[in-house]
C-alpha atoms as a PDB file:
ATOM      1  CA  MET A   1      -2.438   7.498  25.954  1.00  0.00           C
ATOM      2  CA  LYS A   2       0.638   8.721  24.074  1.00  0.00           C
ATOM      3  CA  LYS A   3       1.614   5.188  23.088  1.00  0.00           C
ATOM      4  CA  TYR A   4      -1.832   4.559  21.561  1.00  0.00           C
ATOM      5  CA  LEU A   5      -1.639   7.791  19.578  1.00  0.00           C
ATOM      6  CA  HIS A   6       1.871   6.923  18.404  1.00  0.00           C
ATOM      7  CA  ILE A   7       0.731   3.529  17.074  1.00  0.00           C
ATOM      8  CA  ASP A   8      -2.190   5.098  15.199  1.00  0.00           C
ATOM      9  CA  MET A   9       0.147   7.633  13.634  1.00  0.00           C
ATOM     10  CA  VAL A  10       2.363   4.817  12.329  1.00  0.00           C
ATOM     11  CA  THR A  11      -0.627   3.124  10.705  1.00  0.00           C
ATOM     12  CA  GLY A  12      -1.870   6.376   9.216  1.00  0.00           C
ATOM     13  CA  ILE A  13       1.490   7.395   7.804  1.00  0.00           C
ATOM     14  CA  THR A  14       2.083   3.939   6.327  1.00  0.00           C
ATOM     15  CA  LEU A  15      -1.356   3.870   4.704  1.00  0.00           C
ATOM     16  CA  ILE A  16      -0.845   7.355   3.250  1.00  0.00           C
ATOM     17  CA  VAL A  17       2.480   6.304   1.702  1.00  0.00           C
ATOM     18  CA  VAL A  18       1.012   3.099   0.280  1.00  0.00           C
ATOM     19  CA  PHE A  19      -2.020   4.915  -1.137  1.00  0.00           C
ATOM     20  CA  PHE A  20       0.226   7.482  -2.796  1.00  0.00           C
ATOM     21  CA  CYS A  21       2.274   4.703  -4.403  1.00  0.00           C
ATOM     22  CA  THR A  22      -0.908   2.956  -5.578  1.00  0.00           C
ATOM     23  CA  TYR A  23      -2.295   6.201  -6.958  1.00  0.00           C
ATOM     24  CA  THR A  24       0.939   6.770  -8.852  1.00  0.00           C
ATOM     25  CA  LEU A  25       0.959   3.234 -10.263  1.00  0.00           C
ATOM     26  CA  LEU A  26      -2.666   3.414 -11.411  1.00  0.00           C
ATOM     27  CA  LEU A  27      -2.734   6.887 -12.915  1.00  0.00           C
ATOM     28  CA  GLN A  28       0.728   7.594 -14.299  1.00  0.00           C
ATOM     29  CA  ASP A  29       2.498   5.662 -17.014  1.00  0.00           C
ATOM     30  CA  ASN A  30       5.687   4.046 -15.814  1.00  0.00           C
ATOM     31  CA  PHE A  31       8.060   1.247 -16.763  1.00  0.00           C
ATOM     32  CA  LEU A  32       5.771  -1.389 -15.186  1.00  0.00           C
ATOM     33  CA  HIS A  33       2.833  -0.594 -17.533  1.00  0.00           C
ATOM     34  CA  THR A  34       0.351  -0.984 -14.673  1.00  0.00           C
ATOM     35  CA  SER A  35      -1.554   2.242 -15.234  1.00  0.00           C
ATOM     36  CA  ILE A  36      -5.147   2.296 -16.374  1.00  0.00           C
ATOM     37  CA  SER A  37      -4.300   4.189 -19.554  1.00  0.00           C
ATOM     38  CA  SER A  38      -1.622   1.697 -20.609  1.00  0.00           C
ATOM     39  CA  ILE A  39      -4.064  -1.196 -20.122  1.00  0.00           C
ATOM     40  CA  ILE A  40      -6.677   0.588 -22.225  1.00  0.00           C
ATOM     41  CA  ILE A  41      -4.101   1.344 -24.941  1.00  0.00           C
ATOM     42  CA  LYS A  42      -3.037  -2.313 -25.064  1.00  0.00           C
ATOM     43  CA  ALA A  43      -6.689  -3.410 -25.161  1.00  0.00           C
ATOM     44  CA  ARG A  44      -7.393  -1.228 -28.229  1.00  0.00           C
ATOM     45  CA  HIS A  45      -5.296  -3.502 -30.429  1.00  0.00           C
ATOM     46  CA  LEU A  46      -7.267  -6.603 -29.497  1.00  0.00           C
ATOM     47  CA  GLU A  47     -10.297  -7.993 -31.288  1.00  0.00           C
ATOM     48  CA  LEU A  48     -13.774  -7.135 -30.022  1.00  0.00           C
ATOM     49  CA  LYS A  49     -14.360 -10.005 -27.594  1.00  0.00           C
ATOM     50  CA  PRO A  50     -10.959  -9.886 -25.800  1.00  0.00           C
ATOM     51  CA  HIS A  51     -11.185  -6.072 -25.795  1.00  0.00           C
ATOM     52  CA  LEU A  52     -14.520  -6.196 -23.962  1.00  0.00           C
ATOM     53  CA  ILE A  53     -13.220  -8.827 -21.542  1.00  0.00           C
ATOM     54  CA  VAL A  54     -10.180  -6.713 -20.666  1.00  0.00           C
ATOM     55  CA  LEU A  55     -12.302  -3.603 -20.173  1.00  0.00           C
ATOM     56  CA  GLY A  56     -14.815  -5.633 -18.131  1.00  0.00           C
ATOM     57  CA  PHE A  57     -12.103  -6.812 -15.784  1.00  0.00           C
ATOM     58  CA  LEU A  58     -10.550  -3.340 -15.429  1.00  0.00           C
ATOM     59  CA  PRO A  59     -12.722  -2.316 -12.413  1.00  0.00           C
ATOM     60  CA  ILE A  60     -11.868  -5.623 -10.748  1.00  0.00           C
ATOM     61  CA  TYR A  61      -8.169  -4.960 -11.381  1.00  0.00           C
ATOM     62  CA  ILE A  62      -8.441  -1.493  -9.857  1.00  0.00           C
ATOM     63  CA  SER A  63     -10.239  -2.755  -6.752  1.00  0.00           C
ATOM     64  CA  VAL A  64      -7.757  -5.605  -6.268  1.00  0.00           C
ATOM     65  CA  VAL A  65      -4.833  -3.187  -6.502  1.00  0.00           C
ATOM     66  CA  ILE A  66      -6.423  -0.765  -4.022  1.00  0.00           C
ATOM     67  CA  PHE A  67      -7.406  -3.418  -1.470  1.00  0.00           C
ATOM     68  CA  GLY A  68      -4.068  -5.147  -1.908  1.00  0.00           C
ATOM     69  CA  SER A  69      -2.307  -1.900  -1.123  1.00  0.00           C
ATOM     70  CA  VAL A  70      -4.431  -1.488   2.005  1.00  0.00           C
ATOM     71  CA  LEU A  71      -3.461  -4.969   3.162  1.00  0.00           C
ATOM     72  CA  LEU A  72       0.184  -4.260   2.398  1.00  0.00           C
ATOM     73  CA  GLY A  73      -0.014  -0.987   4.333  1.00  0.00           C
ATOM     74  CA  ILE A  74      -1.564  -2.653   7.369  1.00  0.00           C
ATOM     75  CA  TYR A  75       1.047  -5.417   7.252  1.00  0.00           C
ATOM     76  CA  LEU A  76       3.926  -2.939   6.995  1.00  0.00           C
ATOM     77  CA  SER A  77       2.509  -0.810   9.788  1.00  0.00           C
ATOM     78  CA  SER A  78       2.257  -3.837  12.072  1.00  0.00           C
ATOM     79  CA  ILE A  79       5.928  -4.634  11.381  1.00  0.00           C
ATOM     80  CA  ILE A  80       6.894  -1.026  12.111  1.00  0.00           C
ATOM     81  CA  LYS A  81       4.783  -1.053  15.316  1.00  0.00           C
ATOM     82  CA  TYR A  82       6.480  -4.233  16.472  1.00  0.00           C
ATOM     83  CA  ALA A  83       9.932  -2.782  15.795  1.00  0.00           C
ATOM     84  CA  LEU A  84       9.086   0.454  17.600  1.00  0.00           C
ATOM     85  CA  ASN A  85       7.602  -1.366  20.589  1.00  0.00           C
ATOM     86  CA  PHE A  86      10.644  -3.626  20.774  1.00  0.00           C
ATOM     87  CA  SER A  87      13.051  -0.678  20.652  1.00  0.00           C
ATOM     88  CA  ILE A  88      11.032   1.260  23.261  1.00  0.00           C
ATOM     89  CA  LYS A  89      11.003  -1.731  25.616  1.00  0.00           C
ATOM     90  CA  LYS A  90      14.707  -2.339  25.059  1.00  0.00           C
ATOM     91  CA  PHE A  91      15.533   1.326  25.652  1.00  0.00           C
ATOM     92  CA  SER A  92      13.447   1.491  28.845  1.00  0.00           C
ATOM     93  CA  PHE A  93      15.047  -1.740  30.101  1.00  0.00           C
ATOM     94  CA  VAL A  94      18.521  -0.249  29.548  1.00  0.00           C
ATOM     95  CA  GLN A  95      17.540   2.907  31.422  1.00  0.00           C
ATOM     96  CA  ARG A  96      16.176   0.916  34.389  1.00  0.00           C
ATOM     97  CA  LYS A  97      19.349  -1.138  34.520  1.00  0.00           C
ATOM     98  CA  GLN A  98      21.530   1.996  34.695  1.00  0.00           C
ATOM     99  CA  CYS A  99      19.571   3.522  37.611  1.00  0.00           C
END
């Protein structure tokens, strides 16, 4: 039971970190210019048709970034789980060998 709880904690912590990074990228201006406000500011200088196209695709951009971060978080958590399981098995094998 402890091992199952430990694996769920790894997934939860990884997803929290990835969501925080995504939240920061979408809401705060940074050097990558990936925030929503910087996209809207750049779209203001366009003509009417490209401006409406950019603003129309903005919800799609936000959803792709959020779901992409979820996929990245699940992928990273599976790598961390594998590394932890490997180290636990290796450590228990070393302890059995010493006894």
